[in-house]
Amino acid sequence: MDNLKNASEVFNNTFDLSEYFESVTASSIKSKLIQTIDDGKIPLIFLLGEPGVGKTYMLNMIKENYIMKKRVLFSNEPFSTPESLLYFLLKNQSISKELSITELKELAISVFSQEENIIIIDEAQLLSDNVLEYIRILSDTGYFNFIISMHKDEGLEILNLQHFASRTHLAMNLEKLTINEILNYIHAQLFRNSMGNFVEYFTLKEIKQINLYADGNFRQMKQILKHIFSIMNYANENAKIGFDRVNKCVITMSAIDLGIIDA
């Protein structure tokens, strides 16, 4: 099967919004995010979830949805100080000299009070307590609208802190994929890429075995699928009988290749 290699590339872990698969919870969260942003009444939104469940995809979808309507800033780099956060917010402004944090804050308020905005910060569990507190301070002004993505455990811990719990905010948790959602995703991707001949390889039996190692993780699932097709391609090219179809052995070999389990 000459297109086994191509099938492997379908599940590359590259970022492509057109390939994003919305689970039931993701679809619900996306709708709620858009409604909340449009209402403009909640300046601090937390998107929580385990690593790999699709938080970054969700944030990029929001970015693309609003980039022509609002001032949208996106960062996945941790800010070391409140000053570095403020300089990020003012990156499109001409600043000729080093400013104090008070001057930077006043300038940021002057700029952001004039235009509707969304400030998206991914991997925010890496931010220091000082920066998180300053985000809270900026959101209190009513001029800045933050969407902050965090790993679930760290996010829940931060939200329980008094200075966040007492402020107007919205927290949403992006759940892992279910067995049926994984099955639907794989079938949809194969049909979308004119590879429907491989759909019969993936029944609920195979999906349950894949999810034994993926554990509902969108990113890890894609990596496993990529390796499954790579193994089948090698087996096909080298006449390795028994490894040219999706089965428990091929799925397990994929998990071993990825270091999910030991050989």
C-alpha atoms as a PDB file:
ATOM      1  CA  MET A   1       0.000   0.000   0.000  1.00  0.00           C
ATOM      2  CA  ASP A   2       1.905   2.987  -1.294  1.00  0.00           C
ATOM      3  CA  ASN A   3      -0.080   5.515   0.718  1.00  0.00           C
ATOM      4  CA  LEU A   4       0.736   4.111   4.186  1.00  0.00           C
ATOM      5  CA  LYS A   5       3.559   6.640   4.421  1.00  0.00           C
ATOM      6  CA  ASN A   6       1.162   9.417   3.441  1.00  0.00           C
ATOM      7  CA  ALA A   7      -1.278   8.202   6.082  1.00  0.00           C
ATOM      8  CA  SER A   8       1.488   8.542   8.661  1.00  0.00           C
ATOM      9  CA  GLU A   9       1.955  12.183   7.669  1.00  0.00           C
ATOM     10  CA  VAL A  10      -1.768  12.835   8.156  1.00  0.00           C
ATOM     11  CA  PHE A  11      -1.198  12.447  11.882  1.00  0.00           C
ATOM     12  CA  ASN A  12       1.886  14.621  12.138  1.00  0.00           C
ATOM     13  CA  ASN A  13       1.935  16.711  15.295  1.00  0.00           C
ATOM     14  CA  THR A  14       2.154  19.930  13.314  1.00  0.00           C
ATOM     15  CA  PHE A  15      -0.216  22.779  14.102  1.00  0.00           C
ATOM     16  CA  ASP A  16      -3.036  23.131  11.590  1.00  0.00           C
ATOM     17  CA  LEU A  17      -6.354  24.660  12.638  1.00  0.00           C
ATOM     18  CA  SER A  18      -8.147  22.903   9.795  1.00  0.00           C
ATOM     19  CA  GLU A  19      -7.263  19.530  11.358  1.00  0.00           C
ATOM     20  CA  TYR A  20      -8.568  20.347  14.823  1.00  0.00           C
ATOM     21  CA  PHE A  21     -11.152  17.889  16.069  1.00  0.00           C
ATOM     22  CA  GLU A  22     -13.763  19.277  18.427  1.00  0.00           C
ATOM     23  CA  SER A  23     -14.797  16.908  21.163  1.00  0.00           C
ATOM     24  CA  VAL A  24     -18.155  17.426  22.834  1.00  0.00           C
ATOM     25  CA  THR A  25     -16.563  19.397  25.669  1.00  0.00           C
ATOM     26  CA  ALA A  26     -14.343  21.363  23.273  1.00  0.00           C
ATOM     27  CA  SER A  27     -17.347  22.394  21.194  1.00  0.00           C
ATOM     28  CA  SER A  28     -19.198  23.478  24.321  1.00  0.00           C
ATOM     29  CA  ILE A  29     -16.206  25.411  25.653  1.00  0.00           C
ATOM     30  CA  LYS A  30     -15.608  27.123  22.316  1.00  0.00           C
ATOM     31  CA  SER A  31     -19.226  28.319  22.239  1.00  0.00           C
ATOM     32  CA  LYS A  32     -19.034  29.514  25.835  1.00  0.00           C
ATOM     33  CA  LEU A  33     -15.718  31.289  25.194  1.00  0.00           C
ATOM     34  CA  ILE A  34     -17.114  33.153  22.204  1.00  0.00           C
ATOM     35  CA  GLN A  35     -20.286  34.095  24.077  1.00  0.00           C
ATOM     36  CA  THR A  36     -18.268  35.323  27.073  1.00  0.00           C
ATOM     37  CA  ILE A  37     -15.886  37.348  24.902  1.00  0.00           C
ATOM     38  CA  ASP A  38     -18.766  38.909  22.983  1.00  0.00           C
ATOM     39  CA  ASP A  39     -20.587  39.800  26.218  1.00  0.00           C
ATOM     40  CA  GLY A  40     -17.432  41.551  27.437  1.00  0.00           C
ATOM     41  CA  LYS A  41     -18.351  41.251  31.108  1.00  0.00           C
ATOM     42  CA  ILE A  42     -15.645  38.846  32.318  1.00  0.00           C
ATOM     43  CA  PRO A  43     -12.070  40.176  31.945  1.00  0.00           C
ATOM     44  CA  LEU A  44     -10.286  37.043  33.181  1.00  0.00           C
ATOM     45  CA  ILE A  45     -10.904  33.625  31.618  1.00  0.00           C
ATOM     46  CA  PHE A  46      -9.022  30.475  32.586  1.00  0.00           C
ATOM     47  CA  LEU A  47      -8.822  27.527  30.181  1.00  0.00           C
ATOM     48  CA  LEU A  48      -7.674  24.457  32.104  1.00  0.00           C
ATOM     49  CA  GLY A  49      -6.766  20.960  30.968  1.00  0.00           C
ATOM     50  CA  GLU A  50      -4.172  18.226  31.033  1.00  0.00           C
ATOM     51  CA  PRO A  51      -1.165  18.618  28.669  1.00  0.00           C
ATOM     52  CA  GLY A  52      -2.055  17.619  25.123  1.00  0.00           C
ATOM     53  CA  VAL A  53      -5.859  17.855  25.304  1.00  0.00           C
ATOM     54  CA  GLY A  54      -6.037  20.705  22.771  1.00  0.00           C
ATOM     55  CA  LYS A  55      -5.786  23.943  24.764  1.00  0.00           C
ATOM     56  CA  THR A  56      -3.364  25.564  22.312  1.00  0.00           C
ATOM     57  CA  TYR A  57      -5.575  24.626  19.362  1.00  0.00           C
ATOM     58  CA  MET A  58      -8.553  26.175  21.156  1.00  0.00           C
ATOM     59  CA  LEU A  59      -6.636  29.384  21.865  1.00  0.00           C
ATOM     60  CA  ASN A  60      -5.529  29.675  18.244  1.00  0.00           C
ATOM     61  CA  MET A  61      -9.084  29.180  17.052  1.00  0.00           C
ATOM     62  CA  ILE A  62     -10.162  32.055  19.297  1.00  0.00           C
ATOM     63  CA  LYS A  63      -7.284  34.164  17.988  1.00  0.00           C
ATOM     64  CA  GLU A  64      -8.266  33.548  14.357  1.00  0.00           C
ATOM     65  CA  ASN A  65     -11.916  34.243  15.139  1.00  0.00           C
ATOM     66  CA  TYR A  66     -11.214  37.696  16.573  1.00  0.00           C
ATOM     67  CA  ILE A  67      -8.009  38.901  14.943  1.00  0.00           C
ATOM     68  CA  MET A  68      -9.931  41.101  12.471  1.00  0.00           C
ATOM     69  CA  LYS A  69     -12.329  42.408  15.130  1.00  0.00           C
ATOM     70  CA  LYS A  70     -10.172  43.219  18.158  1.00  0.00           C
ATOM     71  CA  ARG A  71      -6.608  43.879  19.233  1.00  0.00           C
ATOM     72  CA  VAL A  72      -5.412  40.294  19.798  1.00  0.00           C
ATOM     73  CA  LEU A  73      -2.090  39.443  21.441  1.00  0.00           C
ATOM     74  CA  PHE A  74      -0.885  35.855  21.822  1.00  0.00           C
ATOM     75  CA  SER A  75       2.039  34.600  23.892  1.00  0.00           C
ATOM     76  CA  ASN A  76       3.271  31.148  24.881  1.00  0.00           C
ATOM     77  CA  GLU A  77       6.484  32.436  26.466  1.00  0.00           C
ATOM     78  CA  PRO A  78       6.642  32.910  30.253  1.00  0.00           C
ATOM     79  CA  PHE A  79       7.034  36.500  31.458  1.00  0.00           C
ATOM     80  CA  SER A  80       9.656  36.770  34.181  1.00  0.00           C
ATOM     81  CA  THR A  81       8.454  40.091  35.615  1.00  0.00           C
ATOM     82  CA  PRO A  82       5.406  42.377  35.455  1.00  0.00           C
ATOM     83  CA  GLU A  83       7.568  44.787  33.426  1.00  0.00           C
ATOM     84  CA  SER A  84       8.201  42.146  30.743  1.00  0.00           C
ATOM     85  CA  LEU A  85       4.443  41.527  30.554  1.00  0.00           C
ATOM     86  CA  LEU A  86       3.795  45.253  30.093  1.00  0.00           C
ATOM     87  CA  TYR A  87       6.459  45.564  27.397  1.00  0.00           C
ATOM     88  CA  PHE A  88       4.779  42.653  25.602  1.00  0.00           C
ATOM     89  CA  LEU A  89       1.445  44.447  25.753  1.00  0.00           C
ATOM     90  CA  LEU A  90       3.106  47.576  24.349  1.00  0.00           C
ATOM     91  CA  LYS A  91       5.229  45.837  21.720  1.00  0.00           C
ATOM     92  CA  ASN A  92       3.592  47.766  18.881  1.00  0.00           C
ATOM     93  CA  GLN A  93       4.170  51.111  20.584  1.00  0.00           C
ATOM     94  CA  SER A  94       7.211  53.280  20.014  1.00  0.00           C
ATOM     95  CA  ILE A  95       8.960  53.531  23.377  1.00  0.00           C
ATOM     96  CA  SER A  96      12.120  55.630  23.194  1.00  0.00           C
ATOM     97  CA  LYS A  97      13.357  55.208  26.781  1.00  0.00           C
ATOM     98  CA  GLU A  98      13.167  52.799  29.687  1.00  0.00           C
ATOM     99  CA  LEU A  99       9.994  53.426  31.664  1.00  0.00           C
ATOM    100  CA  SER A 100       9.088  52.671  35.257  1.00  0.00           C
ATOM    101  CA  ILE A 101       6.429  50.055  35.930  1.00  0.00           C
ATOM    102  CA  THR A 102       3.965  52.838  36.829  1.00  0.00           C
ATOM    103  CA  GLU A 103       4.642  54.623  33.533  1.00  0.00           C
ATOM    104  CA  LEU A 104       4.316  51.373  31.605  1.00  0.00           C
ATOM    105  CA  LYS A 105       1.003  50.581  33.283  1.00  0.00           C
ATOM    106  CA  GLU A 106      -0.366  54.076  32.578  1.00  0.00           C
ATOM    107  CA  LEU A 107       0.690  53.823  28.924  1.00  0.00           C
ATOM    108  CA  ALA A 108      -0.853  50.349  28.588  1.00  0.00           C
ATOM    109  CA  ILE A 109      -4.130  51.584  30.074  1.00  0.00           C
ATOM    110  CA  SER A 110      -4.099  54.537  27.678  1.00  0.00           C
ATOM    111  CA  VAL A 111      -3.622  52.212  24.695  1.00  0.00           C
ATOM    112  CA  PHE A 112      -5.948  49.372  25.681  1.00  0.00           C
ATOM    113  CA  SER A 113      -8.768  51.586  26.922  1.00  0.00           C
ATOM    114  CA  GLN A 114      -9.200  52.821  23.346  1.00  0.00           C
ATOM    115  CA  GLU A 115      -9.728  49.444  21.696  1.00  0.00           C
ATOM    116  CA  GLU A 116     -11.419  46.126  22.446  1.00  0.00           C
ATOM    117  CA  ASN A 117      -8.765  43.525  23.109  1.00  0.00           C
ATOM    118  CA  ILE A 118      -8.021  39.888  23.895  1.00  0.00           C
ATOM    119  CA  ILE A 119      -4.724  38.954  25.524  1.00  0.00           C
ATOM    120  CA  ILE A 120      -4.095  35.216  25.192  1.00  0.00           C
ATOM    121  CA  ILE A 121      -1.404  33.609  27.342  1.00  0.00           C
ATOM    122  CA  ASP A 122      -0.675  29.919  26.808  1.00  0.00           C
ATOM    123  CA  GLU A 123       1.246  27.701  29.258  1.00  0.00           C
ATOM    124  CA  ALA A 124       0.544  30.230  32.018  1.00  0.00           C
ATOM    125  CA  GLN A 125       1.447  27.724  34.737  1.00  0.00           C
ATOM    126  CA  LEU A 126       5.042  28.819  33.976  1.00  0.00           C
ATOM    127  CA  LEU A 127       4.364  32.384  35.082  1.00  0.00           C
ATOM    128  CA  SER A 128       5.666  33.631  38.422  1.00  0.00           C
ATOM    129  CA  ASP A 129       3.294  34.556  41.231  1.00  0.00           C
ATOM    130  CA  ASN A 130       4.203  38.228  40.728  1.00  0.00           C
ATOM    131  CA  VAL A 131       3.212  38.146  37.067  1.00  0.00           C
ATOM    132  CA  LEU A 132      -0.032  36.297  37.788  1.00  0.00           C
ATOM    133  CA  GLU A 133      -0.897  38.853  40.446  1.00  0.00           C
ATOM    134  CA  TYR A 134      -0.170  41.672  38.001  1.00  0.00           C
ATOM    135  CA  ILE A 135      -2.454  40.087  35.409  1.00  0.00           C
ATOM    136  CA  ARG A 136      -5.147  40.127  38.076  1.00  0.00           C
ATOM    137  CA  ILE A 137      -4.400  43.808  38.782  1.00  0.00           C
ATOM    138  CA  LEU A 138      -4.646  44.720  35.084  1.00  0.00           C
ATOM    139  CA  SER A 139      -7.910  42.792  34.672  1.00  0.00           C
ATOM    140  CA  ASP A 140      -9.341  44.743  37.628  1.00  0.00           C
ATOM    141  CA  THR A 141      -8.976  47.992  35.649  1.00  0.00           C
ATOM    142  CA  GLY A 142     -11.628  46.811  33.181  1.00  0.00           C
ATOM    143  CA  TYR A 143      -9.459  47.662  30.177  1.00  0.00           C
ATOM    144  CA  PHE A 144      -7.713  44.311  29.650  1.00  0.00           C
ATOM    145  CA  ASN A 145      -9.316  40.994  28.712  1.00  0.00           C
ATOM    146  CA  PHE A 146      -7.205  37.919  29.419  1.00  0.00           C
ATOM    147  CA  ILE A 147      -7.614  34.305  28.343  1.00  0.00           C
ATOM    148  CA  ILE A 148      -5.112  32.229  30.289  1.00  0.00           C
ATOM    149  CA  SER A 149      -4.360  28.587  29.561  1.00  0.00           C
ATOM    150  CA  MET A 150      -2.940  26.381  32.306  1.00  0.00           C
ATOM    151  CA  HIS A 151      -2.425  22.780  33.228  1.00  0.00           C
ATOM    152  CA  LYS A 152      -5.412  21.676  35.252  1.00  0.00           C
ATOM    153  CA  ASP A 153      -3.811  21.022  38.644  1.00  0.00           C
ATOM    154  CA  GLU A 154      -1.764  24.240  38.715  1.00  0.00           C
ATOM    155  CA  GLY A 155      -4.742  26.227  37.464  1.00  0.00           C
ATOM    156  CA  LEU A 156      -7.089  24.937  40.163  1.00  0.00           C
ATOM    157  CA  GLU A 157      -4.478  25.724  42.803  1.00  0.00           C
ATOM    158  CA  ILE A 158      -4.155  29.326  41.543  1.00  0.00           C
ATOM    159  CA  LEU A 159      -7.911  29.802  41.293  1.00  0.00           C
ATOM    160  CA  ASN A 160      -8.268  28.830  44.935  1.00  0.00           C
ATOM    161  CA  LEU A 161      -6.058  31.733  45.994  1.00  0.00           C
ATOM    162  CA  GLN A 162      -8.114  34.482  47.618  1.00  0.00           C
ATOM    163  CA  HIS A 163      -7.111  37.301  45.257  1.00  0.00           C
ATOM    164  CA  PHE A 164      -8.333  35.264  42.264  1.00  0.00           C
ATOM    165  CA  ALA A 165     -11.312  33.554  43.867  1.00  0.00           C
ATOM    166  CA  SER A 166     -12.748  36.925  44.916  1.00  0.00           C
ATOM    167  CA  ARG A 167     -12.510  38.425  41.403  1.00  0.00           C
ATOM    168  CA  THR A 168     -14.886  38.075  38.474  1.00  0.00           C
ATOM    169  CA  HIS A 169     -13.525  35.259  36.348  1.00  0.00           C
ATOM    170  CA  LEU A 170     -14.570  32.216  34.363  1.00  0.00           C
ATOM    171  CA  ALA A 171     -12.802  28.857  34.524  1.00  0.00           C
ATOM    172  CA  MET A 172     -13.397  26.071  32.001  1.00  0.00           C
ATOM    173  CA  ASN A 173     -11.872  22.611  31.913  1.00  0.00           C
ATOM    174  CA  LEU A 174     -11.077  20.949  28.576  1.00  0.00           C
ATOM    175  CA  GLU A 175     -11.633  17.231  29.050  1.00  0.00           C
ATOM    176  CA  LYS A 176      -9.848  14.251  27.520  1.00  0.00           C
ATOM    177  CA  LEU A 177     -11.247  12.595  24.406  1.00  0.00           C
ATOM    178  CA  THR A 178     -13.641   9.692  24.819  1.00  0.00           C
ATOM    179  CA  ILE A 179     -13.293   6.379  22.966  1.00  0.00           C
ATOM    180  CA  ASN A 180     -16.028   7.315  20.472  1.00  0.00           C
ATOM    181  CA  GLU A 181     -14.510  10.755  19.891  1.00  0.00           C
ATOM    182  CA  ILE A 182     -11.149   9.169  19.065  1.00  0.00           C
ATOM    183  CA  LEU A 183     -12.859   6.770  16.663  1.00  0.00           C
ATOM    184  CA  ASN A 184     -14.730   9.626  14.977  1.00  0.00           C
ATOM    185  CA  TYR A 185     -11.564  11.726  14.727  1.00  0.00           C
ATOM    186  CA  ILE A 186      -9.551   8.952  13.045  1.00  0.00           C
ATOM    187  CA  HIS A 187     -12.315   8.126  10.577  1.00  0.00           C
ATOM    188  CA  ALA A 188     -12.877  11.821   9.783  1.00  0.00           C
ATOM    189  CA  GLN A 189      -9.181  12.453   9.161  1.00  0.00           C
ATOM    190  CA  LEU A 190      -8.794   9.429   6.903  1.00  0.00           C
ATOM    191  CA  PHE A 191     -11.866  10.278   4.820  1.00  0.00           C
ATOM    192  CA  ARG A 192     -10.818  13.942   4.694  1.00  0.00           C
ATOM    193  CA  ASN A 193      -7.473  12.911   3.190  1.00  0.00           C
ATOM    194  CA  SER A 194      -8.974  10.415   0.701  1.00  0.00           C
ATOM    195  CA  MET A 195      -7.733   7.421   2.702  1.00  0.00           C
ATOM    196  CA  GLY A 196     -11.059   5.806   3.484  1.00  0.00           C
ATOM    197  CA  ASN A 197      -9.570   2.406   2.666  1.00  0.00           C
ATOM    198  CA  PHE A 198      -7.875   2.470   6.082  1.00  0.00           C
ATOM    199  CA  VAL A 199     -11.053   3.161   8.052  1.00  0.00           C
ATOM    200  CA  GLU A 200     -11.804  -0.567   8.447  1.00  0.00           C
ATOM    201  CA  TYR A 201      -8.491  -0.910  10.309  1.00  0.00           C
ATOM    202  CA  PHE A 202      -9.907   1.082  13.227  1.00  0.00           C
ATOM    203  CA  THR A 203     -12.837  -0.446  15.069  1.00  0.00           C
ATOM    204  CA  LEU A 204     -13.681   0.089  18.740  1.00  0.00           C
ATOM    205  CA  LYS A 205     -11.377  -2.814  19.618  1.00  0.00           C
ATOM    206  CA  GLU A 206      -8.327  -1.060  18.138  1.00  0.00           C
ATOM    207  CA  ILE A 207      -9.383   2.335  19.507  1.00  0.00           C
ATOM    208  CA  LYS A 208      -9.588   0.973  23.053  1.00  0.00           C
ATOM    209  CA  GLN A 209      -6.062  -0.403  22.686  1.00  0.00           C
ATOM    210  CA  ILE A 210      -4.797   2.941  21.347  1.00  0.00           C
ATOM    211  CA  ASN A 211      -6.476   4.807  24.193  1.00  0.00           C
ATOM    212  CA  LEU A 212      -4.856   2.462  26.696  1.00  0.00           C
ATOM    213  CA  TYR A 213      -1.671   4.389  25.872  1.00  0.00           C
ATOM    214  CA  ALA A 214      -3.101   7.737  24.712  1.00  0.00           C
ATOM    215  CA  ASP A 215      -5.408   8.116  27.729  1.00  0.00           C
ATOM    216  CA  GLY A 216      -7.660  10.559  25.879  1.00  0.00           C
ATOM    217  CA  ASN A 217      -4.741  12.857  25.097  1.00  0.00           C
ATOM    218  CA  PHE A 218      -5.200  14.451  21.657  1.00  0.00           C
ATOM    219  CA  ARG A 219      -1.481  15.082  21.056  1.00  0.00           C
ATOM    220  CA  GLN A 220      -0.365  11.639  22.207  1.00  0.00           C
ATOM    221  CA  MET A 221      -3.073   9.954  20.189  1.00  0.00           C
ATOM    222  CA  LYS A 222      -1.790  11.628  17.006  1.00  0.00           C
ATOM    223  CA  GLN A 223       1.772  10.525  17.778  1.00  0.00           C
ATOM    224  CA  ILE A 224       0.643   6.933  18.272  1.00  0.00           C
ATOM    225  CA  LEU A 225      -1.295   6.976  14.998  1.00  0.00           C
ATOM    226  CA  LYS A 226       1.688   8.376  13.122  1.00  0.00           C
ATOM    227  CA  HIS A 227       3.873   5.559  14.448  1.00  0.00           C
ATOM    228  CA  ILE A 228       1.247   2.916  13.715  1.00  0.00           C
ATOM    229  CA  PHE A 229       1.217   3.853  10.037  1.00  0.00           C
ATOM    230  CA  SER A 230       5.017   4.117   9.948  1.00  0.00           C
ATOM    231  CA  ILE A 231       5.326   0.588  11.328  1.00  0.00           C
ATOM    232  CA  MET A 232       2.772  -0.746   8.852  1.00  0.00           C
ATOM    233  CA  ASN A 233       4.571   1.018   6.008  1.00  0.00           C
ATOM    234  CA  TYR A 234       7.883  -0.597   7.012  1.00  0.00           C
ATOM    235  CA  ALA A 235       6.202  -3.990   7.318  1.00  0.00           C
ATOM    236  CA  ASN A 236       4.613  -3.619   3.893  1.00  0.00           C
ATOM    237  CA  GLU A 237       7.884  -2.626   2.244  1.00  0.00           C
ATOM    238  CA  ASN A 238       9.801  -5.460   3.898  1.00  0.00           C
ATOM    239  CA  ALA A 239       7.205  -8.240   3.716  1.00  0.00           C
ATOM    240  CA  LYS A 240       6.809  -8.487   7.485  1.00  0.00           C
ATOM    241  CA  ILE A 241       3.633 -10.526   7.797  1.00  0.00           C
ATOM    242  CA  GLY A 242       1.438  -9.708  10.779  1.00  0.00           C
ATOM    243  CA  PHE A 243       2.556  -6.096  11.082  1.00  0.00           C
ATOM    244  CA  ASP A 244       0.842  -4.687   8.014  1.00  0.00           C
ATOM    245  CA  ARG A 245      -2.489  -4.122   9.748  1.00  0.00           C
ATOM    246  CA  VAL A 246      -3.556  -2.374  12.942  1.00  0.00           C
ATOM    247  CA  ASN A 247      -3.480  -4.875  15.786  1.00  0.00           C
ATOM    248  CA  LYS A 248      -2.447  -5.082  19.427  1.00  0.00           C
ATOM    249  CA  CYS A 249       1.165  -5.837  18.527  1.00  0.00           C
ATOM    250  CA  VAL A 250       1.541  -2.857  16.175  1.00  0.00           C
ATOM    251  CA  ILE A 251      -0.155  -0.512  18.644  1.00  0.00           C
ATOM    252  CA  THR A 252       2.096  -1.736  21.467  1.00  0.00           C
ATOM    253  CA  MET A 253       5.207  -1.308  19.291  1.00  0.00           C
ATOM    254  CA  SER A 254       4.111   2.252  18.593  1.00  0.00           C
ATOM    255  CA  ALA A 255       3.794   2.956  22.332  1.00  0.00           C
ATOM    256  CA  ILE A 256       7.261   1.466  22.906  1.00  0.00           C
ATOM    257  CA  ASP A 257       8.760   3.608  20.121  1.00  0.00           C
ATOM    258  CA  LEU A 258       7.310   6.728  21.775  1.00  0.00           C
ATOM    259  CA  GLY A 259       8.626   5.754  25.204  1.00  0.00           C
ATOM    260  CA  ILE A 260       5.132   5.490  26.665  1.00  0.00           C
ATOM    261  CA  ILE A 261       5.884   1.969  27.873  1.00  0.00           C
ATOM    262  CA  ASP A 262       9.110   0.006  28.284  1.00  0.00           C
ATOM    263  CA  ALA A 263      10.012  -2.777  25.894  1.00  0.00           C
END
